[in-house]
Amino acid sequence: SVPTLTGGNHYTLLAYESGGAVKTVVLNEDYAAPAAGAAQLRIYNTAGDAGKLDVYITAPNVELADASSPVSFTTGTVPFSTALLTYSPGTYRVRVTGNGNKADLRLDMPAVTIASQQVATVVLTPAAGGVLLNGSTLVQQSTYTAVRNTNVRVRLAAAVSGNATVAASSGSSTIDAGSVAPSFGFYSLVPAAGPLNISVNGASVAAPA
């Protein structure tokens, strides 16, 4: 659709890739500033392929297991924005998981900083695979900071004969602790481009990055 722009107002044209196509959306940047000593933040979700999501906004040192009261996206409607949420000025950690599943981490933004009387938007956009996300922070009429996802999801499909036990990891991240072939495992989140370690009956086999 063609956006309607009002003279004298401020806008950001957000361009992002989804499903191999470039899409755009216009974001309004004329929200009233909050009172002194307060800041406002909203979550703007463009990642329809990621499905239902929970967004946890916490202090940087809070473990995800201890986080509560997420902002949830429970429909496939995108783009979709939350209302403006009021916080004390400071630095926050924003983590996105699958809805109702903290083990399904999709994005970790370790330092989203908002100052007194600022209005900021955290934008969620699809990563290449569609399930993981990239993030960015847009401060109203000010800076834009992108956070690329540095992880990938990997699962082990073991098709070795002879009922062999196959295990896989990437660095210190376990992909499959050991399954008897034939087997088909679940996705694990590991750092992108990390070295893969695969063993069959305890013997290491060559693996690509």
N, C-alpha and C. Protein backbone atom coordinates (compact mmCIF):
# COMPACT_ATOMS: atom_id res chain seq x y z
N SER A 1 0.84 -1.19 0.00
CA SER A 1 0.00 0.00 0.00
C SER A 1 0.88 1.25 0.00
N VAL A 2 0.33 2.34 -0.48
CA VAL A 2 1.06 3.61 -0.55
C VAL A 2 0.87 4.35 0.76
N PRO A 3 1.97 4.70 1.45
CA PRO A 3 1.83 5.38 2.74
C PRO A 3 1.35 6.82 2.56
N THR A 4 0.66 7.30 3.58
CA THR A 4 0.23 8.69 3.60
C THR A 4 1.15 9.47 4.54
N LEU A 5 1.77 10.51 4.05
CA LEU A 5 2.71 11.31 4.83
C LEU A 5 2.09 12.68 5.10
N THR A 6 2.29 13.16 6.31
CA THR A 6 1.76 14.45 6.72
C THR A 6 2.88 15.48 6.76
N GLY A 7 2.66 16.64 6.17
CA GLY A 7 3.66 17.68 6.15
C GLY A 7 4.11 18.08 7.55
N GLY A 8 5.41 18.27 7.71
CA GLY A 8 5.95 18.69 9.00
C GLY A 8 6.24 17.56 9.95
N ASN A 9 5.84 16.31 9.63
CA ASN A 9 6.10 15.17 10.50
C ASN A 9 7.41 14.48 10.13
N HIS A 10 7.84 13.57 11.01
CA HIS A 10 9.08 12.83 10.81
C HIS A 10 8.77 11.34 10.63
N TYR A 11 9.46 10.70 9.68
CA TYR A 11 9.23 9.29 9.40
C TYR A 11 10.56 8.58 9.13
N THR A 12 10.57 7.27 9.36
CA THR A 12 11.66 6.42 8.90
C THR A 12 11.09 5.39 7.94
N LEU A 13 11.70 5.25 6.78
CA LEU A 13 11.34 4.19 5.84
C LEU A 13 12.23 2.99 6.14
N LEU A 14 11.65 1.95 6.70
CA LEU A 14 12.39 0.75 7.07
C LEU A 14 12.33 -0.26 5.93
N ALA A 15 13.48 -0.66 5.42
CA ALA A 15 13.56 -1.68 4.37
C ALA A 15 14.17 -2.94 4.96
N TYR A 16 13.57 -4.10 4.68
CA TYR A 16 14.07 -5.36 5.20
C TYR A 16 13.77 -6.47 4.20
N GLU A 17 14.51 -7.58 4.33
CA GLU A 17 14.32 -8.71 3.42
C GLU A 17 13.49 -9.78 4.09
N SER A 18 12.54 -10.33 3.36
CA SER A 18 11.71 -11.41 3.88
C SER A 18 11.33 -12.33 2.73
N GLY A 19 11.69 -13.61 2.86
CA GLY A 19 11.36 -14.57 1.81
C GLY A 19 12.00 -14.25 0.48
N GLY A 20 13.18 -13.64 0.49
CA GLY A 20 13.89 -13.31 -0.74
C GLY A 20 13.43 -12.03 -1.40
N ALA A 21 12.48 -11.32 -0.79
CA ALA A 21 11.98 -10.07 -1.35
C ALA A 21 12.27 -8.92 -0.39
N VAL A 22 12.52 -7.74 -0.92
CA VAL A 22 12.70 -6.55 -0.10
C VAL A 22 11.34 -5.94 0.17
N LYS A 23 11.04 -5.72 1.44
CA LYS A 23 9.78 -5.10 1.84
C LYS A 23 10.08 -3.80 2.59
N THR A 24 9.11 -2.92 2.61
CA THR A 24 9.30 -1.64 3.29
C THR A 24 8.09 -1.33 4.16
N VAL A 25 8.34 -0.54 5.18
CA VAL A 25 7.26 -0.05 6.04
C VAL A 25 7.67 1.33 6.54
N VAL A 26 6.71 2.20 6.72
CA VAL A 26 6.97 3.56 7.19
C VAL A 26 6.66 3.64 8.68
N LEU A 27 7.63 4.10 9.46
CA LEU A 27 7.46 4.24 10.91
C LEU A 27 7.33 5.71 11.27
N ASN A 28 6.30 6.02 12.04
CA ASN A 28 6.09 7.38 12.52
C ASN A 28 7.10 7.71 13.62
N GLU A 29 7.66 8.91 13.59
CA GLU A 29 8.63 9.33 14.60
C GLU A 29 8.24 10.65 15.27
N ASP A 30 6.96 10.76 15.56
CA ASP A 30 6.48 11.97 16.22
C ASP A 30 5.68 11.65 17.48
N TYR A 31 6.09 10.61 18.20
CA TYR A 31 5.46 10.33 19.48
C TYR A 31 5.88 11.38 20.50
N ALA A 32 4.97 11.75 21.38
CA ALA A 32 5.29 12.73 22.42
C ALA A 32 6.35 12.16 23.36
N ALA A 33 7.32 12.98 23.72
CA ALA A 33 8.38 12.54 24.63
C ALA A 33 7.80 12.24 26.00
N PRO A 34 8.25 11.17 26.64
CA PRO A 34 7.80 10.88 28.01
C PRO A 34 8.34 11.92 28.99
N ALA A 35 7.86 11.84 30.20
CA ALA A 35 8.29 12.78 31.24
C ALA A 35 9.77 12.57 31.57
N ALA A 36 10.39 13.58 32.13
CA ALA A 36 11.79 13.47 32.57
C ALA A 36 11.92 12.32 33.56
N GLY A 37 13.00 11.53 33.41
CA GLY A 37 13.21 10.37 34.27
C GLY A 37 12.53 9.12 33.77
N ALA A 38 11.94 9.16 32.58
CA ALA A 38 11.29 7.99 31.99
C ALA A 38 11.70 7.88 30.52
N ALA A 39 11.61 6.68 29.99
CA ALA A 39 11.87 6.42 28.58
C ALA A 39 10.82 5.44 28.09
N GLN A 40 10.60 5.40 26.78
CA GLN A 40 9.60 4.49 26.23
C GLN A 40 10.20 3.63 25.12
N LEU A 41 9.71 2.40 25.05
CA LEU A 41 10.23 1.42 24.12
C LEU A 41 9.06 0.64 23.55
N ARG A 42 9.10 0.36 22.26
CA ARG A 42 8.11 -0.54 21.67
C ARG A 42 8.83 -1.59 20.84
N ILE A 43 8.16 -2.72 20.61
CA ILE A 43 8.71 -3.79 19.79
C ILE A 43 7.92 -3.84 18.50
N TYR A 44 8.62 -3.77 17.37
CA TYR A 44 7.98 -3.77 16.06
C TYR A 44 8.41 -5.04 15.33
N ASN A 45 7.48 -5.93 15.09
CA ASN A 45 7.79 -7.26 14.55
C ASN A 45 7.40 -7.35 13.08
N THR A 46 8.40 -7.65 12.24
CA THR A 46 8.14 -7.86 10.81
C THR A 46 8.35 -9.32 10.40
N ALA A 47 8.69 -10.18 11.37
CA ALA A 47 9.14 -11.54 11.05
C ALA A 47 7.99 -12.55 11.13
N GLY A 48 7.15 -12.55 10.12
CA GLY A 48 6.00 -13.44 10.13
C GLY A 48 6.38 -14.91 10.09
N ASP A 49 7.44 -15.26 9.34
CA ASP A 49 7.83 -16.67 9.22
C ASP A 49 8.33 -17.25 10.54
N ALA A 50 8.72 -16.39 11.48
CA ALA A 50 9.23 -16.88 12.77
C ALA A 50 8.12 -17.41 13.67
N GLY A 51 6.88 -17.12 13.33
CA GLY A 51 5.75 -17.63 14.11
C GLY A 51 5.52 -16.86 15.39
N LYS A 52 4.92 -17.53 16.36
CA LYS A 52 4.59 -16.89 17.64
C LYS A 52 5.86 -16.69 18.47
N LEU A 53 5.98 -15.51 19.06
CA LEU A 53 7.23 -15.13 19.75
C LEU A 53 6.94 -14.54 21.11
N ASP A 54 7.93 -14.69 22.02
CA ASP A 54 7.97 -13.97 23.30
C ASP A 54 9.20 -13.09 23.31
N VAL A 55 9.06 -11.87 23.81
CA VAL A 55 10.17 -10.92 23.90
C VAL A 55 10.36 -10.58 25.37
N TYR A 56 11.57 -10.86 25.89
CA TYR A 56 11.90 -10.57 27.28
C TYR A 56 12.82 -9.35 27.34
N ILE A 57 12.41 -8.34 28.08
CA ILE A 57 13.18 -7.11 28.25
C ILE A 57 13.61 -7.05 29.71
N THR A 58 14.91 -7.21 29.94
CA THR A 58 15.42 -7.35 31.31
C THR A 58 16.67 -6.50 31.50
N ALA A 59 17.14 -6.45 32.75
CA ALA A 59 18.48 -5.92 33.02
C ALA A 59 19.50 -6.83 32.34
N PRO A 60 20.68 -6.31 31.96
CA PRO A 60 21.63 -7.12 31.20
C PRO A 60 22.09 -8.39 31.90
N ASN A 61 22.12 -8.40 33.24
CA ASN A 61 22.67 -9.55 33.97
C ASN A 61 21.62 -10.59 34.36
N VAL A 62 20.38 -10.42 33.97
CA VAL A 62 19.32 -11.37 34.33
C VAL A 62 19.39 -12.59 33.42
N GLU A 63 19.43 -13.79 34.03
CA GLU A 63 19.41 -15.02 33.24
C GLU A 63 18.03 -15.18 32.60
N LEU A 64 18.04 -15.73 31.38
CA LEU A 64 16.78 -15.91 30.67
C LEU A 64 15.83 -16.80 31.46
N ALA A 65 16.36 -17.79 32.16
CA ALA A 65 15.52 -18.69 32.94
C ALA A 65 14.76 -17.95 34.04
N ASP A 66 15.32 -16.82 34.49
CA ASP A 66 14.69 -16.05 35.56
C ASP A 66 13.81 -14.92 35.05
N ALA A 67 13.80 -14.71 33.74
CA ALA A 67 13.02 -13.61 33.16
C ALA A 67 11.53 -13.96 33.19
N SER A 68 10.71 -12.92 33.32
CA SER A 68 9.26 -13.14 33.37
C SER A 68 8.55 -12.02 32.62
N SER A 69 7.23 -12.16 32.51
CA SER A 69 6.35 -11.15 31.90
C SER A 69 6.82 -10.74 30.51
N PRO A 70 6.90 -11.69 29.58
CA PRO A 70 7.33 -11.32 28.24
C PRO A 70 6.26 -10.53 27.49
N VAL A 71 6.70 -9.79 26.47
CA VAL A 71 5.81 -9.22 25.48
C VAL A 71 5.62 -10.31 24.42
N SER A 72 4.40 -10.70 24.14
CA SER A 72 4.16 -11.85 23.27
C SER A 72 3.48 -11.44 21.96
N PHE A 73 3.93 -12.09 20.88
CA PHE A 73 3.28 -11.98 19.58
C PHE A 73 2.67 -13.35 19.30
N THR A 74 1.37 -13.45 19.38
CA THR A 74 0.71 -14.76 19.30
C THR A 74 -0.12 -14.93 18.04
N THR A 75 0.02 -14.01 17.10
CA THR A 75 -0.64 -14.18 15.80
C THR A 75 0.41 -14.03 14.71
N GLY A 76 0.05 -14.44 13.52
CA GLY A 76 0.98 -14.34 12.40
C GLY A 76 0.88 -13.01 11.68
N THR A 77 0.12 -12.06 12.22
CA THR A 77 -0.06 -10.77 11.56
C THR A 77 1.22 -9.94 11.66
N VAL A 78 1.77 -9.53 10.52
CA VAL A 78 2.94 -8.65 10.50
C VAL A 78 2.76 -7.64 9.36
N PRO A 79 3.40 -6.46 9.48
CA PRO A 79 4.11 -6.01 10.68
C PRO A 79 3.13 -5.67 11.80
N PHE A 80 3.62 -5.82 13.03
CA PHE A 80 2.77 -5.59 14.20
C PHE A 80 3.61 -4.94 15.28
N SER A 81 3.06 -3.90 15.91
CA SER A 81 3.78 -3.16 16.94
C SER A 81 3.08 -3.28 18.28
N THR A 82 3.86 -3.35 19.34
CA THR A 82 3.29 -3.22 20.67
C THR A 82 2.98 -1.75 20.94
N ALA A 83 2.28 -1.50 22.00
CA ALA A 83 2.13 -0.13 22.48
C ALA A 83 3.49 0.35 23.02
N LEU A 84 3.60 1.64 23.29
CA LEU A 84 4.80 2.16 23.91
C LEU A 84 4.84 1.71 25.37
N LEU A 85 5.96 1.10 25.75
CA LEU A 85 6.14 0.58 27.11
C LEU A 85 7.10 1.50 27.85
N THR A 86 6.77 1.88 29.07
CA THR A 86 7.56 2.85 29.82
C THR A 86 8.57 2.14 30.72
N TYR A 87 9.83 2.60 30.66
CA TYR A 87 10.92 2.05 31.47
C TYR A 87 11.73 3.19 32.08
N SER A 88 12.51 2.85 33.09
CA SER A 88 13.50 3.80 33.59
C SER A 88 14.64 3.89 32.58
N PRO A 89 15.25 5.06 32.40
CA PRO A 89 16.38 5.15 31.49
C PRO A 89 17.48 4.18 31.91
N GLY A 90 18.17 3.60 30.93
CA GLY A 90 19.24 2.65 31.23
C GLY A 90 19.48 1.71 30.08
N THR A 91 20.25 0.66 30.35
CA THR A 91 20.58 -0.34 29.33
C THR A 91 19.85 -1.64 29.65
N TYR A 92 19.20 -2.18 28.64
CA TYR A 92 18.39 -3.38 28.79
C TYR A 92 18.87 -4.47 27.82
N ARG A 93 18.58 -5.70 28.19
CA ARG A 93 18.86 -6.84 27.31
C ARG A 93 17.53 -7.33 26.75
N VAL A 94 17.47 -7.45 25.43
CA VAL A 94 16.25 -7.89 24.76
C VAL A 94 16.49 -9.26 24.14
N ARG A 95 15.72 -10.24 24.60
CA ARG A 95 15.84 -11.60 24.06
C ARG A 95 14.50 -12.07 23.52
N VAL A 96 14.56 -12.73 22.37
CA VAL A 96 13.35 -13.20 21.70
C VAL A 96 13.40 -14.72 21.65
N THR A 97 12.32 -15.37 22.08
CA THR A 97 12.23 -16.83 22.05
C THR A 97 10.94 -17.24 21.32
N GLY A 98 10.85 -18.51 21.01
CA GLY A 98 9.58 -19.04 20.56
C GLY A 98 8.56 -18.91 21.67
N ASN A 99 7.32 -18.74 21.31
CA ASN A 99 6.26 -18.52 22.29
C ASN A 99 6.17 -19.68 23.27
N GLY A 100 6.32 -19.37 24.57
CA GLY A 100 6.20 -20.38 25.61
C GLY A 100 7.38 -21.31 25.75
N ASN A 101 8.51 -21.00 25.10
CA ASN A 101 9.66 -21.91 25.12
C ASN A 101 10.95 -21.10 25.23
N LYS A 102 11.43 -20.91 26.46
CA LYS A 102 12.66 -20.13 26.66
C LYS A 102 13.89 -20.82 26.08
N ALA A 103 13.84 -22.13 25.88
CA ALA A 103 14.97 -22.84 25.30
C ALA A 103 15.13 -22.55 23.81
N ASP A 104 14.10 -22.00 23.20
CA ASP A 104 14.10 -21.70 21.77
C ASP A 104 14.48 -20.25 21.55
N LEU A 105 15.77 -19.93 21.75
CA LEU A 105 16.25 -18.55 21.65
C LEU A 105 16.42 -18.18 20.18
N ARG A 106 15.79 -17.09 19.77
CA ARG A 106 15.84 -16.66 18.37
C ARG A 106 16.75 -15.45 18.15
N LEU A 107 16.90 -14.60 19.19
CA LEU A 107 17.71 -13.39 19.07
C LEU A 107 18.07 -12.90 20.46
N ASP A 108 19.32 -12.43 20.60
CA ASP A 108 19.79 -11.85 21.86
C ASP A 108 20.43 -10.50 21.55
N MET A 109 19.80 -9.44 22.04
CA MET A 109 20.35 -8.08 21.89
C MET A 109 20.84 -7.67 23.28
N PRO A 110 22.15 -7.76 23.55
CA PRO A 110 22.64 -7.62 24.92
C PRO A 110 22.62 -6.21 25.49
N ALA A 111 22.53 -5.19 24.65
CA ALA A 111 22.64 -3.82 25.18
C ALA A 111 21.79 -2.86 24.36
N VAL A 112 20.55 -2.68 24.79
CA VAL A 112 19.67 -1.68 24.19
C VAL A 112 19.55 -0.53 25.20
N THR A 113 20.10 0.61 24.86
CA THR A 113 20.17 1.73 25.80
C THR A 113 19.14 2.80 25.43
N ILE A 114 18.38 3.23 26.43
CA ILE A 114 17.40 4.30 26.24
C ILE A 114 17.63 5.36 27.31
N ALA A 115 17.61 6.61 26.89
CA ALA A 115 17.89 7.73 27.79
C ALA A 115 16.58 8.39 28.22
N SER A 116 16.68 9.24 29.21
CA SER A 116 15.51 9.96 29.71
C SER A 116 14.82 10.72 28.59
N GLN A 117 13.51 10.58 28.50
CA GLN A 117 12.64 11.24 27.53
C GLN A 117 12.84 10.76 26.10
N GLN A 118 13.54 9.65 25.91
CA GLN A 118 13.67 9.08 24.58
C GLN A 118 12.51 8.11 24.30
N VAL A 119 12.18 8.01 23.02
CA VAL A 119 11.26 6.99 22.52
C VAL A 119 12.04 6.13 21.53
N ALA A 120 12.08 4.83 21.75
CA ALA A 120 12.87 3.93 20.90
C ALA A 120 12.01 2.78 20.41
N THR A 121 12.36 2.26 19.24
CA THR A 121 11.69 1.10 18.66
C THR A 121 12.71 0.00 18.43
N VAL A 122 12.46 -1.18 18.99
CA VAL A 122 13.26 -2.36 18.67
C VAL A 122 12.55 -3.08 17.53
N VAL A 123 13.24 -3.20 16.39
CA VAL A 123 12.65 -3.80 15.20
C VAL A 123 13.16 -5.23 15.05
N LEU A 124 12.24 -6.17 14.89
CA LEU A 124 12.58 -7.57 14.64
C LEU A 124 12.37 -7.87 13.16
N THR A 125 13.44 -8.33 12.49
CA THR A 125 13.35 -8.66 11.07
C THR A 125 13.82 -10.09 10.85
N PRO A 126 13.37 -10.75 9.78
CA PRO A 126 13.75 -12.15 9.56
C PRO A 126 15.23 -12.29 9.21
N ALA A 127 15.88 -13.31 9.76
CA ALA A 127 17.21 -13.70 9.28
C ALA A 127 17.02 -14.60 8.06
N ALA A 128 18.13 -15.04 7.46
CA ALA A 128 18.05 -15.74 6.17
C ALA A 128 17.19 -17.00 6.23
N GLY A 129 17.22 -17.72 7.36
CA GLY A 129 16.47 -18.97 7.44
C GLY A 129 15.01 -18.80 7.77
N GLY A 130 14.61 -17.59 8.20
CA GLY A 130 13.21 -17.32 8.48
C GLY A 130 12.79 -17.55 9.91
N VAL A 131 13.50 -18.40 10.67
CA VAL A 131 13.12 -18.70 12.05
C VAL A 131 13.90 -17.84 13.03
N LEU A 132 15.21 -17.73 12.83
CA LEU A 132 15.99 -16.81 13.64
C LEU A 132 15.72 -15.38 13.19
N LEU A 133 16.11 -14.42 14.03
CA LEU A 133 15.79 -13.03 13.77
C LEU A 133 17.03 -12.16 13.82
N ASN A 134 16.97 -11.06 13.12
CA ASN A 134 17.90 -9.96 13.31
C ASN A 134 17.15 -8.85 14.05
N GLY A 135 17.90 -7.98 14.70
CA GLY A 135 17.26 -6.90 15.45
C GLY A 135 17.92 -5.57 15.17
N SER A 136 17.23 -4.50 15.52
CA SER A 136 17.81 -3.17 15.42
C SER A 136 17.06 -2.25 16.39
N THR A 137 17.72 -1.17 16.75
CA THR A 137 17.12 -0.18 17.64
C THR A 137 17.09 1.16 16.94
N LEU A 138 15.89 1.73 16.83
CA LEU A 138 15.70 3.03 16.21
C LEU A 138 15.25 4.01 17.28
N VAL A 139 16.09 4.98 17.59
CA VAL A 139 15.73 6.02 18.55
C VAL A 139 15.04 7.14 17.78
N GLN A 140 13.88 7.55 18.25
CA GLN A 140 13.06 8.50 17.53
C GLN A 140 13.84 9.75 17.15
N GLN A 141 13.83 10.05 15.83
CA GLN A 141 14.51 11.22 15.25
C GLN A 141 16.00 11.26 15.61
N SER A 142 16.59 10.05 15.77
CA SER A 142 18.00 10.00 16.16
C SER A 142 18.66 8.77 15.54
N THR A 143 19.36 7.98 16.32
CA THR A 143 20.25 6.95 15.81
C THR A 143 19.54 5.64 15.47
N TYR A 144 20.18 4.87 14.59
CA TYR A 144 19.74 3.52 14.22
C TYR A 144 20.91 2.58 14.45
N THR A 145 20.69 1.49 15.20
CA THR A 145 21.76 0.53 15.50
C THR A 145 21.27 -0.87 15.17
N ALA A 146 21.98 -1.56 14.29
CA ALA A 146 21.59 -2.91 13.88
C ALA A 146 22.33 -3.96 14.69
N VAL A 147 21.65 -5.06 15.00
CA VAL A 147 22.26 -6.21 15.69
C VAL A 147 22.01 -7.44 14.83
N ARG A 148 23.05 -7.90 14.13
CA ARG A 148 22.92 -9.09 13.30
C ARG A 148 22.99 -10.33 14.17
N ASN A 149 22.21 -11.33 13.80
CA ASN A 149 22.24 -12.59 14.52
C ASN A 149 23.50 -13.35 14.14
N THR A 150 24.30 -13.74 15.12
CA THR A 150 25.57 -14.42 14.85
C THR A 150 25.46 -15.93 15.06
N ASN A 151 24.24 -16.44 15.16
CA ASN A 151 24.05 -17.88 15.41
C ASN A 151 23.36 -18.55 14.23
N VAL A 152 23.44 -19.87 14.22
CA VAL A 152 22.72 -20.70 13.26
C VAL A 152 22.06 -21.84 14.02
N ARG A 153 21.08 -22.46 13.40
CA ARG A 153 20.44 -23.63 13.99
C ARG A 153 20.92 -24.87 13.22
N VAL A 154 21.39 -25.87 13.96
CA VAL A 154 21.94 -27.08 13.35
C VAL A 154 21.30 -28.30 14.00
N ARG A 155 20.98 -29.31 13.21
CA ARG A 155 20.51 -30.57 13.76
C ARG A 155 21.27 -31.71 13.11
N LEU A 156 21.32 -32.84 13.78
CA LEU A 156 22.08 -34.00 13.31
C LEU A 156 21.13 -35.03 12.71
N ALA A 157 21.40 -35.38 11.46
CA ALA A 157 20.71 -36.51 10.83
C ALA A 157 21.75 -37.62 10.67
N ALA A 158 21.63 -38.66 11.48
CA ALA A 158 22.62 -39.74 11.50
C ALA A 158 22.11 -40.90 10.66
N ALA A 159 22.79 -41.18 9.55
CA ALA A 159 22.37 -42.26 8.64
C ALA A 159 23.47 -43.31 8.50
N VAL A 160 24.28 -43.45 9.54
CA VAL A 160 25.39 -44.41 9.51
C VAL A 160 24.84 -45.82 9.74
N SER A 161 25.39 -46.80 9.04
CA SER A 161 24.91 -48.19 9.18
C SER A 161 25.48 -48.84 10.43
N GLY A 162 24.98 -50.01 10.74
CA GLY A 162 25.52 -50.81 11.84
C GLY A 162 25.15 -50.33 13.22
N ASN A 163 24.05 -49.59 13.34
CA ASN A 163 23.62 -49.08 14.64
C ASN A 163 24.70 -48.29 15.36
N ALA A 164 25.46 -47.52 14.60
CA ALA A 164 26.54 -46.73 15.19
C ALA A 164 25.97 -45.57 16.00
N THR A 165 26.73 -45.15 17.01
CA THR A 165 26.35 -43.98 17.81
C THR A 165 27.06 -42.75 17.24
N VAL A 166 26.28 -41.73 16.91
CA VAL A 166 26.81 -40.53 16.29
C VAL A 166 26.56 -39.34 17.22
N ALA A 167 27.58 -38.53 17.43
CA ALA A 167 27.48 -37.33 18.27
C ALA A 167 28.01 -36.14 17.48
N ALA A 168 27.52 -34.93 17.81
CA ALA A 168 27.96 -33.73 17.12
C ALA A 168 27.95 -32.54 18.06
N SER A 169 28.90 -31.65 17.85
CA SER A 169 28.96 -30.41 18.61
C SER A 169 29.62 -29.34 17.76
N SER A 170 29.52 -28.10 18.24
CA SER A 170 30.21 -26.99 17.61
C SER A 170 30.88 -26.19 18.72
N GLY A 171 32.19 -26.31 18.83
CA GLY A 171 32.88 -25.69 19.95
C GLY A 171 32.38 -26.29 21.24
N SER A 172 31.91 -25.44 22.16
CA SER A 172 31.40 -25.93 23.44
C SER A 172 29.89 -26.18 23.40
N SER A 173 29.27 -25.98 22.24
CA SER A 173 27.81 -26.14 22.10
C SER A 173 27.47 -27.54 21.59
N THR A 174 26.68 -28.28 22.35
CA THR A 174 26.28 -29.62 21.94
C THR A 174 25.13 -29.56 20.95
N ILE A 175 25.27 -30.29 19.86
CA ILE A 175 24.19 -30.44 18.88
C ILE A 175 23.43 -31.72 19.15
N ASP A 176 24.15 -32.81 19.37
CA ASP A 176 23.55 -34.10 19.73
C ASP A 176 24.59 -34.85 20.55
N ALA A 177 24.25 -35.18 21.79
CA ALA A 177 25.22 -35.83 22.69
C ALA A 177 25.54 -37.25 22.29
N GLY A 178 24.73 -37.86 21.44
CA GLY A 178 24.99 -39.22 20.97
C GLY A 178 23.69 -39.96 20.73
N SER A 179 23.42 -40.29 19.48
CA SER A 179 22.21 -41.02 19.12
C SER A 179 22.57 -42.21 18.25
N VAL A 180 21.84 -43.30 18.45
CA VAL A 180 22.07 -44.50 17.66
C VAL A 180 21.40 -44.33 16.30
N ALA A 181 22.19 -44.48 15.23
CA ALA A 181 21.66 -44.33 13.87
C ALA A 181 20.77 -45.53 13.51
N PRO A 182 19.76 -45.30 12.68
CA PRO A 182 19.39 -44.01 12.09
C PRO A 182 18.61 -43.14 13.07
N SER A 183 18.90 -41.85 13.06
CA SER A 183 18.21 -40.92 13.96
C SER A 183 18.19 -39.54 13.33
N PHE A 184 17.27 -38.73 13.81
CA PHE A 184 17.08 -37.38 13.28
C PHE A 184 16.81 -36.48 14.47
N GLY A 185 17.74 -35.56 14.78
CA GLY A 185 17.67 -34.81 16.02
C GLY A 185 16.94 -33.50 15.92
N PHE A 186 16.95 -32.76 17.03
CA PHE A 186 16.32 -31.46 17.12
C PHE A 186 17.35 -30.36 16.85
N TYR A 187 16.87 -29.19 16.49
CA TYR A 187 17.77 -28.07 16.23
C TYR A 187 18.42 -27.58 17.52
N SER A 188 19.71 -27.23 17.41
CA SER A 188 20.44 -26.57 18.49
C SER A 188 20.99 -25.26 17.97
N LEU A 189 21.09 -24.27 18.83
CA LEU A 189 21.61 -22.96 18.46
C LEU A 189 23.10 -22.93 18.73
N VAL A 190 23.90 -22.67 17.68
CA VAL A 190 25.36 -22.63 17.81
C VAL A 190 25.89 -21.40 17.08
N PRO A 191 27.11 -20.94 17.42
CA PRO A 191 27.69 -19.79 16.72
C PRO A 191 27.91 -20.09 15.24
N ALA A 192 27.60 -19.12 14.39
CA ALA A 192 27.78 -19.29 12.95
C ALA A 192 29.26 -19.47 12.62
N ALA A 193 29.54 -20.27 11.60
CA ALA A 193 30.88 -20.53 11.09
C ALA A 193 31.79 -21.21 12.10
N GLY A 194 31.24 -21.73 13.17
CA GLY A 194 32.05 -22.45 14.15
C GLY A 194 32.45 -23.82 13.63
N PRO A 195 33.53 -24.40 14.16
CA PRO A 195 33.97 -25.73 13.71
C PRO A 195 33.02 -26.81 14.21
N LEU A 196 32.62 -27.68 13.31
CA LEU A 196 31.77 -28.80 13.68
C LEU A 196 32.63 -29.99 14.10
N ASN A 197 32.23 -30.65 15.17
CA ASN A 197 32.92 -31.86 15.63
C ASN A 197 31.92 -33.02 15.59
N ILE A 198 32.22 -34.01 14.79
CA ILE A 198 31.33 -35.16 14.62
C ILE A 198 32.10 -36.43 14.92
N SER A 199 31.50 -37.33 15.69
CA SER A 199 32.14 -38.60 15.99
C SER A 199 31.17 -39.74 15.73
N VAL A 200 31.72 -40.87 15.30
CA VAL A 200 30.96 -42.10 15.08
C VAL A 200 31.60 -43.19 15.95
N ASN A 201 30.82 -43.70 16.89
CA ASN A 201 31.35 -44.67 17.86
C ASN A 201 32.61 -44.16 18.55
N GLY A 202 32.62 -42.86 18.85
CA GLY A 202 33.73 -42.24 19.57
C GLY A 202 34.90 -41.81 18.71
N ALA A 203 34.89 -42.16 17.42
CA ALA A 203 35.99 -41.80 16.51
C ALA A 203 35.61 -40.55 15.73
N SER A 204 36.48 -39.56 15.74
CA SER A 204 36.20 -38.30 15.06
C SER A 204 36.20 -38.48 13.55
N VAL A 205 35.26 -37.80 12.88
CA VAL A 205 35.23 -37.80 11.42
C VAL A 205 35.30 -36.36 10.94
N ALA A 206 35.80 -36.18 9.72
CA ALA A 206 35.97 -34.83 9.18
C ALA A 206 34.62 -34.17 8.98
N ALA A 207 34.56 -32.85 9.22
CA ALA A 207 33.31 -32.11 9.06
C ALA A 207 33.62 -30.71 8.56
N PRO A 208 32.75 -30.16 7.74
CA PRO A 208 32.95 -28.77 7.28
C PRO A 208 32.56 -27.78 8.37
N ALA A 209 32.88 -26.52 8.17
CA ALA A 209 32.44 -25.47 9.10
C ALA A 209 30.95 -25.25 8.93
